[in-house]
N, C-alpha and C. Protein backbone atom coordinates (compact mmCIF):
# COMPACT_ATOMS: atom_id res chain seq x y z
N MET A 1 -100.31 -23.91 -27.94
CA MET A 1 -101.06 -24.53 -29.06
C MET A 1 -100.78 -25.82 -29.21
N SER A 2 -101.61 -26.64 -29.55
CA SER A 2 -101.40 -27.93 -29.57
C SER A 2 -100.88 -28.21 -31.03
N GLN A 3 -100.32 -29.69 -31.14
CA GLN A 3 -99.74 -29.90 -32.46
C GLN A 3 -100.95 -29.84 -33.48
N THR A 4 -102.39 -30.20 -33.39
CA THR A 4 -103.22 -30.32 -34.33
C THR A 4 -103.65 -28.83 -34.54
N ASP A 5 -103.48 -28.09 -33.67
CA ASP A 5 -103.79 -26.56 -33.97
C ASP A 5 -102.66 -26.30 -34.90
N HIS A 6 -101.55 -26.35 -34.57
CA HIS A 6 -100.27 -25.89 -35.37
C HIS A 6 -100.45 -26.43 -36.77
N GLN A 7 -100.94 -27.59 -37.20
CA GLN A 7 -100.86 -28.41 -38.27
C GLN A 7 -102.07 -27.64 -39.07
N GLN A 8 -103.30 -27.43 -38.43
CA GLN A 8 -104.24 -26.79 -38.96
C GLN A 8 -103.87 -25.36 -39.63
N ALA A 9 -103.26 -24.70 -38.66
CA ALA A 9 -102.83 -23.32 -39.06
C ALA A 9 -101.76 -23.41 -40.25
N LYS A 10 -101.03 -24.41 -40.16
CA LYS A 10 -100.09 -24.63 -41.46
C LYS A 10 -100.73 -24.83 -42.67
N ARG A 11 -101.69 -25.54 -42.75
CA ARG A 11 -102.55 -26.24 -43.80
C ARG A 11 -103.35 -25.12 -44.67
N ARG A 12 -103.60 -24.01 -43.77
CA ARG A 12 -104.51 -22.90 -44.51
C ARG A 12 -103.74 -22.37 -45.62
N PRO A 13 -104.60 -21.97 -46.60
CA PRO A 13 -103.99 -21.55 -47.83
C PRO A 13 -103.19 -20.14 -47.70
N ASP A 14 -102.28 -20.06 -48.34
CA ASP A 14 -101.55 -18.79 -48.35
C ASP A 14 -102.31 -17.86 -49.03
N ARG A 15 -103.00 -16.92 -48.61
CA ARG A 15 -103.94 -15.85 -49.12
C ARG A 15 -103.09 -14.99 -50.31
N ALA A 16 -101.92 -14.46 -49.78
CA ALA A 16 -101.05 -13.63 -50.71
C ALA A 16 -100.73 -14.35 -51.97
N ALA A 17 -100.35 -15.69 -51.97
CA ALA A 17 -99.88 -16.60 -53.11
C ALA A 17 -101.10 -16.82 -53.88
N LEU A 18 -102.16 -16.90 -53.31
CA LEU A 18 -103.45 -17.10 -54.24
C LEU A 18 -103.89 -15.78 -54.94
N VAL A 19 -103.65 -14.76 -54.30
CA VAL A 19 -103.83 -13.51 -55.12
C VAL A 19 -102.73 -13.41 -56.21
N ILE A 20 -101.64 -13.77 -56.05
CA ILE A 20 -100.55 -13.68 -56.97
C ILE A 20 -101.00 -14.75 -58.06
N ALA A 21 -101.37 -15.72 -57.77
CA ALA A 21 -101.80 -16.77 -58.77
C ALA A 21 -103.02 -16.23 -59.70
N ALA A 22 -104.09 -15.92 -59.00
CA ALA A 22 -105.13 -15.25 -59.75
C ALA A 22 -104.57 -14.02 -60.80
N ALA A 23 -103.65 -13.23 -60.19
CA ALA A 23 -103.00 -12.11 -61.11
C ALA A 23 -102.38 -12.67 -62.33
N LEU A 24 -101.57 -13.75 -62.04
CA LEU A 24 -100.92 -14.35 -63.21
C LEU A 24 -101.95 -15.06 -64.11
N ALA A 25 -103.00 -15.59 -63.76
CA ALA A 25 -103.96 -16.02 -64.47
C ALA A 25 -104.62 -15.05 -65.25
N ILE A 26 -104.93 -13.94 -64.73
CA ILE A 26 -105.60 -12.84 -65.49
C ILE A 26 -104.68 -12.34 -66.44
N VAL A 27 -103.56 -12.30 -66.13
CA VAL A 27 -102.43 -11.61 -67.30
C VAL A 27 -102.14 -12.74 -68.43
N ALA A 28 -102.31 -14.13 -68.08
CA ALA A 28 -102.25 -15.16 -68.99
C ALA A 28 -103.64 -14.89 -69.90
N VAL A 29 -104.96 -14.72 -69.39
CA VAL A 29 -106.17 -14.61 -70.29
C VAL A 29 -105.98 -13.46 -71.09
N VAL A 30 -105.60 -12.22 -70.59
CA VAL A 30 -105.36 -11.08 -71.20
C VAL A 30 -104.48 -11.09 -72.40
N ILE A 31 -103.32 -11.79 -72.27
CA ILE A 31 -102.37 -12.08 -73.54
C ILE A 31 -103.07 -12.88 -74.50
N ALA A 32 -103.53 -13.95 -74.15
CA ALA A 32 -104.19 -14.81 -75.07
C ALA A 32 -105.41 -14.05 -75.62
N TRP A 33 -106.21 -13.38 -75.10
CA TRP A 33 -107.34 -12.68 -75.83
C TRP A 33 -106.98 -11.57 -76.54
N SER A 34 -105.90 -10.83 -76.17
CA SER A 34 -105.17 -9.86 -77.27
C SER A 34 -104.55 -10.37 -78.34
N THR A 35 -104.05 -11.49 -78.17
CA THR A 35 -103.38 -12.16 -79.41
C THR A 35 -104.42 -12.72 -80.39
N ALA A 36 -105.44 -13.37 -79.70
CA ALA A 36 -106.57 -13.77 -80.49
C ALA A 36 -107.55 -12.58 -81.39
N SER A 37 -107.59 -11.42 -80.56
CA SER A 37 -108.38 -10.45 -81.09
C SER A 37 -107.62 -9.61 -82.22
N HIS A 38 -106.44 -9.91 -82.44
CA HIS A 38 -105.58 -9.16 -83.48
C HIS A 38 -105.64 -9.68 -84.82
N GLY A 39 -106.16 -10.93 -84.94
CA GLY A 39 -106.20 -11.63 -86.13
C GLY A 39 -105.04 -12.44 -86.44
N ALA A 40 -105.14 -13.17 -87.37
CA ALA A 40 -103.97 -14.16 -87.75
C ALA A 40 -102.85 -13.38 -88.44
N GLY A 41 -101.81 -13.74 -88.22
CA GLY A 41 -100.68 -13.23 -88.98
C GLY A 41 -100.50 -13.93 -90.17
N ALA A 42 -99.24 -14.16 -90.71
CA ALA A 42 -98.84 -14.91 -91.83
C ALA A 42 -99.22 -16.26 -91.66
N ASN A 43 -99.90 -16.64 -92.63
CA ASN A 43 -100.49 -18.18 -92.45
C ASN A 43 -99.44 -19.22 -93.17
N TYR A 44 -98.42 -18.74 -93.86
CA TYR A 44 -97.39 -19.48 -94.52
C TYR A 44 -96.33 -20.50 -93.71
N ALA A 45 -96.32 -19.82 -92.40
CA ALA A 45 -95.34 -20.53 -91.49
C ALA A 45 -96.12 -21.01 -90.24
N ARG A 46 -95.57 -22.09 -89.75
CA ARG A 46 -96.08 -22.78 -88.54
C ARG A 46 -95.87 -21.78 -87.40
N VAL A 47 -94.60 -21.27 -87.23
CA VAL A 47 -94.34 -20.40 -86.27
C VAL A 47 -94.41 -18.84 -86.83
N GLY A 48 -95.47 -18.20 -86.30
CA GLY A 48 -95.91 -16.87 -86.87
C GLY A 48 -95.89 -15.87 -85.75
N PRO A 49 -96.30 -14.61 -85.97
CA PRO A 49 -96.35 -13.60 -84.97
C PRO A 49 -97.29 -13.91 -83.79
N THR A 50 -98.19 -14.94 -83.68
CA THR A 50 -98.89 -15.22 -82.57
C THR A 50 -98.38 -16.37 -81.89
N THR A 51 -97.33 -16.87 -82.21
CA THR A 51 -96.75 -18.28 -81.45
C THR A 51 -96.21 -17.71 -80.17
N PHE A 52 -95.38 -16.67 -80.28
CA PHE A 52 -94.72 -16.20 -78.83
C PHE A 52 -95.75 -15.76 -77.95
N PRO A 53 -96.58 -14.87 -78.25
CA PRO A 53 -97.51 -14.44 -77.16
C PRO A 53 -98.36 -15.55 -76.58
N TYR A 54 -98.77 -16.50 -77.41
CA TYR A 54 -99.44 -17.85 -76.78
C TYR A 54 -98.55 -18.47 -75.93
N PHE A 55 -97.20 -18.67 -76.29
CA PHE A 55 -96.51 -19.53 -75.48
C PHE A 55 -96.32 -18.73 -74.03
N ILE A 56 -96.19 -17.32 -74.11
CA ILE A 56 -95.93 -16.61 -72.87
C ILE A 56 -97.32 -16.71 -71.94
N ALA A 57 -98.54 -16.57 -72.66
CA ALA A 57 -99.63 -16.92 -71.96
C ALA A 57 -99.72 -18.27 -71.42
N ALA A 58 -99.35 -19.34 -71.93
CA ALA A 58 -99.26 -20.58 -71.43
C ALA A 58 -98.50 -20.71 -70.18
N VAL A 59 -97.17 -20.04 -70.40
CA VAL A 59 -96.26 -20.11 -69.25
C VAL A 59 -96.86 -19.49 -68.06
N PHE A 60 -97.41 -18.17 -68.21
CA PHE A 60 -98.27 -17.46 -67.17
C PHE A 60 -99.21 -18.36 -66.56
N LEU A 61 -100.09 -19.14 -67.41
CA LEU A 61 -101.15 -20.08 -66.70
C LEU A 61 -100.52 -21.09 -66.02
N GLY A 62 -99.47 -21.43 -66.46
CA GLY A 62 -98.75 -22.61 -65.73
C GLY A 62 -98.27 -22.23 -64.49
N LEU A 63 -97.53 -21.01 -64.50
CA LEU A 63 -97.04 -20.41 -63.27
C LEU A 63 -98.14 -20.20 -62.28
N SER A 64 -99.37 -19.66 -62.83
CA SER A 64 -100.58 -19.35 -61.95
C SER A 64 -101.11 -20.70 -61.38
N ILE A 65 -101.06 -22.03 -62.19
CA ILE A 65 -101.68 -23.14 -61.46
C ILE A 65 -100.62 -23.60 -60.37
N TRP A 66 -99.28 -23.56 -60.60
CA TRP A 66 -98.22 -23.83 -59.82
C TRP A 66 -98.23 -23.22 -58.57
N THR A 67 -98.51 -21.73 -58.71
CA THR A 67 -98.54 -20.89 -57.53
C THR A 67 -99.67 -21.28 -56.64
N ALA A 68 -100.81 -21.60 -57.20
CA ALA A 68 -102.10 -21.82 -56.52
C ALA A 68 -101.88 -23.19 -55.84
N PHE A 69 -101.41 -24.20 -56.59
CA PHE A 69 -101.18 -25.57 -55.77
C PHE A 69 -100.15 -25.27 -54.66
N GLU A 70 -99.14 -24.41 -54.81
CA GLU A 70 -98.25 -24.39 -53.71
C GLU A 70 -98.84 -23.62 -52.43
N ALA A 71 -99.71 -22.73 -52.83
CA ALA A 71 -100.39 -21.92 -51.88
C ALA A 71 -101.28 -22.86 -51.05
N PHE A 72 -101.87 -23.76 -51.53
CA PHE A 72 -102.81 -24.73 -50.85
C PHE A 72 -101.97 -25.75 -50.15
N ARG A 73 -100.89 -25.92 -50.64
CA ARG A 73 -99.94 -27.01 -49.77
C ARG A 73 -99.42 -26.34 -48.71
N GLY A 74 -99.10 -25.14 -48.72
CA GLY A 74 -98.49 -24.17 -47.60
C GLY A 74 -97.15 -24.19 -47.76
N ASP A 75 -96.45 -24.50 -48.88
CA ASP A 75 -95.03 -24.77 -48.83
C ASP A 75 -94.21 -23.35 -49.04
N PHE A 76 -94.88 -22.22 -49.05
CA PHE A 76 -94.26 -20.94 -49.11
C PHE A 76 -93.51 -20.64 -47.67
N PRO A 77 -92.21 -20.01 -47.67
CA PRO A 77 -91.85 -19.72 -46.30
C PRO A 77 -92.46 -18.55 -45.95
N GLU A 78 -92.48 -18.46 -44.62
CA GLU A 78 -93.10 -17.40 -43.85
C GLU A 78 -92.46 -16.06 -44.20
N ARG A 79 -93.20 -15.01 -44.42
CA ARG A 79 -92.75 -13.89 -45.08
C ARG A 79 -92.43 -12.94 -43.44
N GLU A 80 -91.59 -11.79 -43.79
CA GLU A 80 -91.29 -11.04 -42.81
C GLU A 80 -92.26 -10.00 -42.70
N HIS A 81 -92.27 -9.33 -41.68
CA HIS A 81 -93.19 -8.17 -41.64
C HIS A 81 -92.85 -7.27 -42.65
N GLN A 82 -93.76 -6.49 -43.50
CA GLN A 82 -93.21 -5.47 -44.65
C GLN A 82 -93.55 -4.17 -43.88
N GLU A 83 -92.48 -3.13 -44.13
CA GLU A 83 -92.71 -1.95 -43.91
C GLU A 83 -93.30 -1.11 -45.00
N ILE A 84 -94.38 -0.29 -44.80
CA ILE A 84 -94.94 0.38 -45.84
C ILE A 84 -94.32 1.76 -46.11
N SER A 85 -93.67 2.36 -45.20
CA SER A 85 -93.24 3.60 -45.19
C SER A 85 -91.99 3.83 -46.40
N PRO A 86 -91.28 2.86 -46.67
CA PRO A 86 -90.17 3.11 -47.94
C PRO A 86 -90.98 2.86 -49.30
N ILE A 87 -92.12 2.10 -49.17
CA ILE A 87 -92.75 1.77 -50.53
C ILE A 87 -93.40 3.25 -50.87
N LEU A 88 -93.89 3.79 -49.76
CA LEU A 88 -94.73 5.16 -49.93
C LEU A 88 -93.75 6.25 -50.24
N TRP A 89 -92.66 6.31 -49.87
CA TRP A 89 -91.54 7.22 -50.27
C TRP A 89 -91.15 7.13 -51.74
N ILE A 90 -91.01 5.80 -52.17
CA ILE A 90 -90.69 5.47 -53.68
C ILE A 90 -91.70 5.88 -54.37
N VAL A 91 -92.95 5.46 -53.95
CA VAL A 91 -94.07 5.67 -55.03
C VAL A 91 -94.42 7.29 -54.93
N GLY A 92 -94.11 7.93 -53.92
CA GLY A 92 -94.33 9.39 -53.71
C GLY A 92 -93.28 10.18 -54.61
N GLY A 93 -92.20 9.61 -54.63
CA GLY A 93 -91.17 10.02 -55.47
C GLY A 93 -91.38 10.02 -57.07
N LEU A 94 -92.11 8.86 -57.53
CA LEU A 94 -92.23 8.47 -58.75
C LEU A 94 -93.54 9.46 -59.25
N VAL A 95 -94.69 9.52 -58.42
CA VAL A 95 -95.49 10.44 -58.61
C VAL A 95 -95.03 11.92 -58.65
N ALA A 96 -94.33 12.34 -57.84
CA ALA A 96 -93.73 13.69 -57.89
C ALA A 96 -92.93 13.83 -59.22
N GLN A 97 -92.06 12.89 -59.60
CA GLN A 97 -91.25 13.00 -60.97
C GLN A 97 -92.23 13.17 -62.16
N MET A 98 -93.41 12.16 -62.26
CA MET A 98 -94.33 12.33 -63.24
C MET A 98 -95.04 13.82 -63.25
N LEU A 99 -95.52 14.39 -62.13
CA LEU A 99 -96.18 15.28 -61.99
C LEU A 99 -95.26 16.73 -62.36
N LEU A 100 -94.07 16.65 -62.05
CA LEU A 100 -93.04 17.73 -62.30
C LEU A 100 -92.27 17.60 -63.52
N LEU A 101 -92.19 16.56 -64.16
CA LEU A 101 -91.30 16.54 -65.41
C LEU A 101 -91.48 17.78 -66.34
N LYS A 102 -92.61 17.82 -66.84
CA LYS A 102 -92.76 18.91 -67.81
C LYS A 102 -92.76 20.25 -67.32
N VAL A 103 -93.23 20.40 -66.01
CA VAL A 103 -93.14 21.87 -65.33
C VAL A 103 -91.74 22.07 -64.82
N ALA A 104 -91.27 21.42 -64.21
CA ALA A 104 -89.90 21.69 -63.51
C ALA A 104 -88.65 21.13 -64.37
N GLY A 105 -88.92 20.37 -65.12
CA GLY A 105 -87.55 19.82 -66.18
C GLY A 105 -87.35 18.60 -65.47
N PHE A 106 -86.22 17.87 -66.16
CA PHE A 106 -85.87 16.71 -65.83
C PHE A 106 -84.92 16.60 -64.73
N ALA A 107 -83.95 17.54 -64.40
CA ALA A 107 -83.08 17.47 -63.26
C ALA A 107 -83.84 17.60 -61.98
N ILE A 108 -84.62 18.58 -62.11
CA ILE A 108 -85.52 18.88 -60.70
C ILE A 108 -86.33 17.76 -60.42
N ALA A 109 -87.02 17.27 -61.52
CA ALA A 109 -88.10 16.05 -61.22
C ALA A 109 -87.26 14.64 -60.61
N THR A 110 -86.13 14.58 -61.54
CA THR A 110 -85.43 13.35 -61.23
C THR A 110 -84.67 13.46 -59.92
N GLY A 111 -84.25 14.67 -59.64
CA GLY A 111 -83.47 14.86 -58.39
C GLY A 111 -84.24 14.63 -57.14
N LEU A 112 -85.56 14.89 -57.33
CA LEU A 112 -86.50 14.66 -56.16
C LEU A 112 -86.91 13.23 -56.05
N LEU A 113 -86.84 12.44 -57.11
CA LEU A 113 -87.03 11.00 -57.19
C LEU A 113 -85.95 10.19 -56.33
N PHE A 114 -84.81 10.79 -56.79
CA PHE A 114 -83.45 10.28 -56.22
C PHE A 114 -83.59 10.44 -54.68
N ALA A 115 -84.03 11.73 -54.16
CA ALA A 115 -84.08 11.90 -52.86
C ALA A 115 -85.22 11.17 -52.07
N ALA A 116 -86.20 11.01 -52.66
CA ALA A 116 -87.23 10.22 -51.99
C ALA A 116 -86.75 8.75 -52.02
N THR A 117 -86.22 8.37 -53.11
CA THR A 117 -85.79 6.90 -53.05
C THR A 117 -84.51 6.57 -52.00
N ALA A 118 -83.55 7.74 -51.94
CA ALA A 118 -82.68 7.44 -50.76
C ALA A 118 -83.25 7.70 -49.31
N ARG A 119 -84.29 8.39 -49.33
CA ARG A 119 -85.01 8.53 -48.05
C ARG A 119 -85.47 6.91 -47.81
N ALA A 120 -86.13 6.40 -48.70
CA ALA A 120 -86.73 5.22 -48.62
C ALA A 120 -85.66 3.95 -48.29
N PHE A 121 -84.59 4.16 -48.77
CA PHE A 121 -83.63 3.21 -48.08
C PHE A 121 -82.66 3.72 -47.14
N GLY A 122 -83.25 4.76 -46.42
CA GLY A 122 -82.58 5.20 -45.09
C GLY A 122 -81.09 5.85 -45.33
N ARG A 123 -81.03 6.43 -46.47
CA ARG A 123 -79.68 7.11 -46.82
C ARG A 123 -79.75 8.66 -46.62
N GLY A 124 -79.26 9.19 -45.62
CA GLY A 124 -79.13 10.63 -45.52
C GLY A 124 -80.39 11.25 -45.43
N PRO A 125 -80.38 12.54 -44.86
CA PRO A 125 -81.64 13.38 -44.84
C PRO A 125 -82.05 14.10 -45.91
N LEU A 126 -83.23 14.50 -46.19
CA LEU A 126 -83.65 15.06 -47.41
C LEU A 126 -82.77 16.26 -47.62
N TRP A 127 -82.22 17.14 -46.77
CA TRP A 127 -81.72 18.39 -47.23
C TRP A 127 -80.20 18.03 -47.68
N GLN A 128 -79.91 16.80 -47.64
CA GLN A 128 -78.50 16.34 -48.20
C GLN A 128 -78.76 15.67 -49.58
N THR A 129 -79.80 14.79 -49.55
CA THR A 129 -80.10 13.94 -50.61
C THR A 129 -80.70 14.91 -52.11
N ILE A 130 -81.44 15.74 -51.63
CA ILE A 130 -82.15 16.48 -52.75
C ILE A 130 -81.11 17.33 -53.48
N PRO A 131 -80.04 18.00 -52.85
CA PRO A 131 -78.91 18.73 -53.76
C PRO A 131 -78.08 17.70 -54.44
N ILE A 132 -77.92 16.49 -53.86
CA ILE A 132 -76.93 15.34 -54.49
C ILE A 132 -77.87 14.93 -55.60
N GLY A 133 -79.26 14.64 -55.59
CA GLY A 133 -80.00 14.36 -56.59
C GLY A 133 -80.06 15.06 -57.75
N LEU A 134 -80.21 16.60 -57.28
CA LEU A 134 -80.07 17.56 -58.50
C LEU A 134 -79.07 17.62 -59.26
N VAL A 135 -77.89 17.49 -58.55
CA VAL A 135 -76.60 17.58 -59.34
C VAL A 135 -76.43 16.29 -60.20
N LEU A 136 -76.73 15.21 -59.82
CA LEU A 136 -76.57 13.74 -60.50
C LEU A 136 -77.55 13.78 -61.58
N SER A 137 -78.82 14.26 -61.47
CA SER A 137 -79.69 14.27 -62.59
C SER A 137 -79.33 15.36 -63.53
N PHE A 138 -78.91 16.47 -63.13
CA PHE A 138 -78.16 17.45 -64.05
C PHE A 138 -77.28 17.03 -64.99
N ILE A 139 -76.25 16.40 -64.37
CA ILE A 139 -75.22 15.89 -65.02
C ILE A 139 -75.71 14.57 -65.98
N ILE A 140 -76.67 13.94 -65.85
CA ILE A 140 -77.26 12.99 -66.67
C ILE A 140 -78.08 13.61 -67.73
N TRP A 141 -78.60 14.68 -67.44
CA TRP A 141 -79.38 15.54 -68.33
C TRP A 141 -78.32 16.12 -69.46
N ILE A 142 -77.30 16.63 -68.97
CA ILE A 142 -76.21 17.07 -69.92
C ILE A 142 -75.67 16.10 -70.71
N ILE A 143 -75.35 14.94 -70.35
CA ILE A 143 -74.89 13.88 -71.03
C ILE A 143 -76.09 13.42 -72.29
N PHE A 144 -77.17 13.21 -71.68
CA PHE A 144 -78.03 12.93 -72.67
C PHE A 144 -78.68 13.92 -73.61
N ALA A 145 -78.79 15.15 -73.25
CA ALA A 145 -79.51 16.13 -73.94
C ALA A 145 -78.30 16.81 -74.76
N LYS A 146 -77.16 17.14 -74.44
CA LYS A 146 -75.99 17.81 -75.11
C LYS A 146 -75.11 16.89 -75.75
N GLY A 147 -74.75 15.80 -74.93
CA GLY A 147 -73.72 14.89 -75.60
C GLY A 147 -74.48 14.10 -76.49
N LEU A 148 -75.45 13.38 -76.26
CA LEU A 148 -76.15 12.41 -77.12
C LEU A 148 -77.03 13.16 -77.93
N GLN A 149 -77.63 14.18 -77.81
CA GLN A 149 -78.64 15.08 -78.68
C GLN A 149 -79.88 14.33 -78.66
N LEU A 150 -80.24 13.83 -77.30
CA LEU A 150 -81.49 13.34 -77.14
C LEU A 150 -82.46 14.35 -76.39
N SER A 151 -83.80 14.36 -76.55
CA SER A 151 -84.68 15.28 -76.06
C SER A 151 -85.34 14.76 -74.74
N LEU A 152 -84.76 15.69 -73.69
CA LEU A 152 -85.37 15.26 -72.41
C LEU A 152 -86.11 16.66 -71.88
N PRO A 153 -87.01 16.68 -71.18
CA PRO A 153 -87.74 17.78 -70.75
C PRO A 153 -86.82 18.65 -70.09
N ALA A 154 -86.89 20.04 -70.40
CA ALA A 154 -86.15 21.17 -69.85
C ALA A 154 -86.95 22.15 -68.78
N GLY A 155 -86.33 22.33 -67.85
CA GLY A 155 -87.14 23.14 -66.92
C GLY A 155 -86.35 24.21 -66.78
N PRO A 156 -86.37 25.25 -65.72
CA PRO A 156 -85.62 26.39 -65.40
C PRO A 156 -84.19 26.20 -65.30
N LEU A 157 -83.74 25.14 -64.70
CA LEU A 157 -82.53 24.67 -64.49
C LEU A 157 -81.65 24.34 -65.84
N GLU A 158 -82.35 23.75 -66.64
CA GLU A 158 -81.69 23.22 -67.93
C GLU A 158 -81.57 24.41 -68.86
N ARG A 159 -82.64 25.34 -68.77
CA ARG A 159 -82.73 26.70 -69.85
C ARG A 159 -81.49 27.34 -69.50
N LEU A 160 -80.93 27.30 -68.22
CA LEU A 160 -79.74 28.32 -68.15
C LEU A 160 -78.61 27.75 -68.84
N PHE A 161 -78.57 26.41 -69.47
CA PHE A 161 -77.57 26.09 -70.30
C PHE A 161 -78.04 25.64 -71.60
């Protein structure tokens, strides 16, 4: 590849950064629109309940513009190849926890999330991490439900106690 080809490849906008810039701009618009649609708060003070959300929207918009500018300049470092498998394990664990929380209870659902997350980080086989996750989650359930008197979903394992 010649020097001019390398410069042209480097000057190409970073598409991922442009997507992030667009997402930041959308979040800014949604915050500003939501704040404006809720009506005015107290009018007796300059700093009211709408000041902070508008400030956050302005910061997000500024970050969006800055990210887009840097994307066109090509100043972001080259990213490493991303592995999708660990992300799928973690998302799968979260989905399993949400689906099983009311049916199987806190300890089982959270134990499976623990095992899936451990698998995503390459820590131990599932036959080993599932029991560890169940024990840790059950201990956490006992601390919160019995010790602190907080209401956590109880399943068959928790009903034994």
